């Protein structure tokens, strides 16, 4: 039986069980807005009728809502490939997985609403699991790390998100989110170093 111990395997297992032409992937902390639901229905209807069949999948914007505030800067407001034909491709990657599909990809206008980290305790629990998987992924790909990367990569990431990507304008939620993402990078490289050190 195929292992489901990483996110790509779980998503590909879901694909294998789907019985409709189009598949939409939504995480447990995400929500489809009414506007997005209406847009997806139109897209699928047009594809079925031969109007927009030049696309095999669609990127969908995602908006982060952190403790009641919509984040408009930093690493928020990204576009993710979440809607595609069932047989257009497969998911790849242990963590931060990506749907690799063949054919043209369009972009929808209305977003998925994302509610990350409802509490700091929940964030710490989730990030411990995610960073272990990410470190294992890098380890298997023979990526190396060192003291410089462990210290300065997270610092550089914070400066990039908080100042250059303007997370500072999202006030306290923006500060915390930028810190969370930097801590994520610190844990990944620290865990990777411990794995390499055992060799």
Protein backbone atom coordinates (compact mmCIF):
# COMPACT_ATOMS: atom_id res chain seq x y z
CA UNK A 1 0.00 0.00 0.00
CA UNK A 2 1.27 3.46 -0.89
CA UNK A 3 2.56 5.46 2.07
CA UNK A 4 0.59 8.58 3.02
CA UNK A 5 3.29 10.01 5.28
CA UNK A 6 3.74 13.24 3.34
CA UNK A 7 1.48 15.91 1.90
CA UNK A 8 1.95 15.05 -1.77
CA UNK A 9 1.04 11.41 -1.18
CA UNK A 10 -2.07 12.49 0.70
CA UNK A 11 -3.16 14.83 -2.09
CA UNK A 12 -2.40 12.28 -4.80
CA UNK A 13 -4.44 9.72 -2.86
CA UNK A 14 -7.31 12.21 -2.91
CA UNK A 15 -6.87 12.63 -6.67
CA UNK A 16 -7.09 8.86 -7.14
CA UNK A 17 -10.44 8.82 -5.34
CA UNK A 18 -11.96 11.79 -7.22
CA UNK A 19 -14.65 10.89 -9.76
CA UNK A 20 -15.36 14.27 -11.37
CA UNK A 21 -13.51 16.05 -14.17
CA UNK A 22 -12.29 18.95 -12.01
CA UNK A 23 -10.73 18.85 -8.54
CA UNK A 24 -10.39 21.70 -6.02
CA UNK A 25 -7.97 21.32 -3.09
CA UNK A 26 -8.75 23.20 0.12
CA UNK A 27 -6.91 22.85 3.44
CA UNK A 28 -8.64 22.57 6.82
CA UNK A 29 -7.77 26.19 7.71
CA UNK A 30 -9.06 27.60 4.41
CA UNK A 31 -12.49 28.69 3.20
CA UNK A 32 -13.99 29.19 -0.26
CA UNK A 33 -15.77 32.52 -0.48
CA UNK A 34 -19.16 32.77 -2.18
CA UNK A 35 -17.59 34.84 -4.95
CA UNK A 36 -14.91 32.21 -5.56
CA UNK A 37 -17.48 29.41 -5.55
CA UNK A 38 -19.50 31.27 -8.21
CA UNK A 39 -16.37 31.95 -10.29
CA UNK A 40 -15.28 28.30 -10.18
CA UNK A 41 -18.75 27.17 -11.26
CA UNK A 42 -18.58 29.51 -14.24
CA UNK A 43 -15.08 28.39 -15.20
CA UNK A 44 -16.00 24.70 -15.11
CA UNK A 45 -19.23 25.35 -17.00
CA UNK A 46 -17.38 27.30 -19.70
CA UNK A 47 -14.72 24.59 -19.97
CA UNK A 48 -17.41 21.94 -20.41
CA UNK A 49 -19.02 24.02 -23.13
CA UNK A 50 -15.71 24.57 -24.93
CA UNK A 51 -15.36 28.27 -24.11
CA UNK A 52 -12.27 28.17 -21.85
CA UNK A 53 -10.85 24.72 -22.57
CA UNK A 54 -7.39 26.18 -23.25
CA UNK A 55 -6.67 25.90 -19.51
CA UNK A 56 -5.96 22.67 -17.65
CA UNK A 57 -5.81 24.36 -14.25
CA UNK A 58 -6.10 27.66 -12.42
CA UNK A 59 -4.11 29.58 -9.85
CA UNK A 60 -6.26 30.98 -7.06
CA UNK A 61 -5.25 33.97 -4.89
CA UNK A 62 -5.10 33.36 -1.15
CA UNK A 63 -5.71 35.96 1.54
CA UNK A 64 -4.44 35.44 5.10
CA UNK A 65 -6.65 36.44 8.03
CA UNK A 66 -4.54 36.45 11.20
CA UNK A 67 -6.42 37.10 14.47
CA UNK A 68 -9.18 38.99 12.72
CA UNK A 69 -6.95 41.13 10.49
CA UNK A 70 -6.44 40.65 6.76
CA UNK A 71 -2.72 40.63 5.99
CA UNK A 72 -1.94 42.60 2.87
CA UNK A 73 1.86 42.47 2.86
CA UNK A 74 4.80 40.17 3.60
CA UNK A 75 4.32 36.58 2.44
CA UNK A 76 0.55 36.93 2.26
CA UNK A 77 -1.62 37.29 -0.84
CA UNK A 78 0.02 34.56 -2.88
CA UNK A 79 -1.46 32.55 -5.76
CA UNK A 80 -1.70 28.76 -5.50
CA UNK A 81 -2.53 26.11 -8.09
CA UNK A 82 -5.53 24.48 -6.42
CA UNK A 83 -8.06 23.91 -9.23
CA UNK A 84 -7.28 21.59 -12.15
CA UNK A 85 -8.57 18.70 -14.16
CA UNK A 86 -8.25 15.41 -12.30
CA UNK A 87 -5.85 13.81 -14.81
CA UNK A 88 -3.79 16.93 -15.60
CA UNK A 89 -0.91 16.08 -13.25
CA UNK A 90 0.29 15.00 -9.82
CA UNK A 91 1.48 16.60 -6.60
CA UNK A 92 5.22 16.61 -5.84
CA UNK A 93 7.26 17.40 -2.71
CA UNK A 94 7.26 16.13 0.87
CA UNK A 95 6.17 19.52 2.24
CA UNK A 96 5.32 22.82 0.52
CA UNK A 97 4.05 20.48 -2.16
CA UNK A 98 3.18 21.68 -5.66
CA UNK A 99 0.69 20.42 -8.20
CA UNK A 100 2.64 19.82 -11.41
CA UNK A 101 0.22 19.75 -14.33
CA UNK A 102 0.61 19.68 -18.10
CA UNK A 103 -0.95 22.43 -20.16
CA UNK A 104 -1.84 26.09 -19.79
CA UNK A 105 -2.77 27.52 -16.41
CA UNK A 106 -5.14 30.44 -15.90
CA UNK A 107 -5.67 32.72 -12.89
CA UNK A 108 -8.93 33.25 -11.01
CA UNK A 109 -9.78 36.61 -9.45
CA UNK A 110 -11.51 35.74 -6.19
CA UNK A 111 -9.45 34.40 -3.26
CA UNK A 112 -9.36 31.47 -0.93
CA UNK A 113 -9.62 32.78 2.64
CA UNK A 114 -6.86 31.40 4.86
CA UNK A 115 -6.99 31.42 8.67
CA UNK A 116 -3.46 30.40 9.77
CA UNK A 117 -2.29 29.98 13.36
CA UNK A 118 -5.48 30.62 15.42
CA UNK A 119 -3.26 30.59 18.52
CA UNK A 120 0.48 30.74 19.11
CA UNK A 121 0.29 27.28 20.72
CA UNK A 122 -1.31 25.90 17.55
CA UNK A 123 1.39 27.57 15.46
CA UNK A 124 4.17 25.99 17.52
CA UNK A 125 2.58 22.54 17.23
CA UNK A 126 2.13 22.81 13.47
CA UNK A 127 5.52 24.37 12.74
CA UNK A 128 7.34 21.59 14.60
CA UNK A 129 5.78 19.01 12.28
CA UNK A 130 6.23 21.07 9.09
CA UNK A 131 9.86 21.95 9.76
CA UNK A 132 10.76 18.32 10.44
CA UNK A 133 9.30 17.29 7.08
CA UNK A 134 11.03 20.17 5.31
CA UNK A 135 14.39 19.31 6.90
CA UNK A 136 13.95 15.68 5.85
CA UNK A 137 13.20 16.80 2.31
CA UNK A 138 16.37 18.91 2.17
CA UNK A 139 18.38 16.10 3.74
CA UNK A 140 17.27 13.60 1.11
CA UNK A 141 18.21 16.11 -1.59
CA UNK A 142 21.67 16.35 0.00
CA UNK A 143 21.31 20.06 0.82
CA UNK A 144 23.83 21.24 3.42
CA UNK A 145 23.67 23.98 6.03
CA UNK A 146 26.08 25.78 8.33
CA UNK A 147 26.23 28.28 11.17
CA UNK A 148 25.92 31.24 8.81
CA UNK A 149 22.73 29.90 7.21
CA UNK A 150 21.21 28.88 10.53
CA UNK A 151 21.63 32.41 11.90
CA UNK A 152 21.49 34.80 8.99
CA UNK A 153 19.03 33.16 6.60
CA UNK A 154 16.13 33.62 9.08
CA UNK A 155 17.32 37.18 9.86
CA UNK A 156 17.46 38.01 6.17
CA UNK A 157 14.02 36.51 5.63
CA UNK A 158 12.59 38.66 8.42
CA UNK A 159 14.14 41.84 6.99
CA UNK A 160 12.83 40.97 3.52
CA UNK A 161 9.27 40.32 4.70
CA UNK A 162 8.97 42.99 7.37
CA UNK A 163 10.61 45.90 5.58
CA UNK A 164 10.96 45.23 1.83
CA UNK A 165 7.64 43.37 1.49
CA UNK A 166 6.08 45.90 3.90
CA UNK A 167 4.69 43.52 6.55
CA UNK A 168 5.35 46.42 8.94
CA UNK A 169 2.20 48.03 7.52
CA UNK A 170 0.11 45.15 8.89
CA UNK A 171 1.14 46.34 12.38
CA UNK A 172 1.32 43.67 15.14
CA UNK A 173 -0.14 40.75 13.09
CA UNK A 174 2.37 41.61 10.36
CA UNK A 175 5.23 41.59 12.86
CA UNK A 176 4.18 38.25 14.35
CA UNK A 177 3.68 36.64 10.95
CA UNK A 178 7.12 37.79 9.79
CA UNK A 179 8.65 36.40 12.99
CA UNK A 180 6.78 33.10 12.55
CA UNK A 181 8.13 32.67 9.01
CA UNK A 182 11.67 33.46 10.13
CA UNK A 183 11.42 31.02 13.04
CA UNK A 184 10.24 28.40 10.54
CA UNK A 185 13.43 28.90 8.52
CA UNK A 186 15.57 28.75 11.66
CA UNK A 187 14.04 25.43 12.73
CA UNK A 188 14.39 23.89 9.27
CA UNK A 189 18.09 24.64 9.06
CA UNK A 190 18.73 23.68 12.67
CA UNK A 191 17.04 20.32 12.22
CA UNK A 192 18.88 19.78 8.94
CA UNK A 193 22.18 20.38 10.73
CA UNK A 194 21.36 17.82 13.42
CA UNK A 195 20.53 15.26 10.72
CA UNK A 196 23.83 15.92 8.94
CA UNK A 197 25.72 15.87 12.23
CA UNK A 198 24.59 12.29 12.91
CA UNK A 199 26.28 11.00 9.75
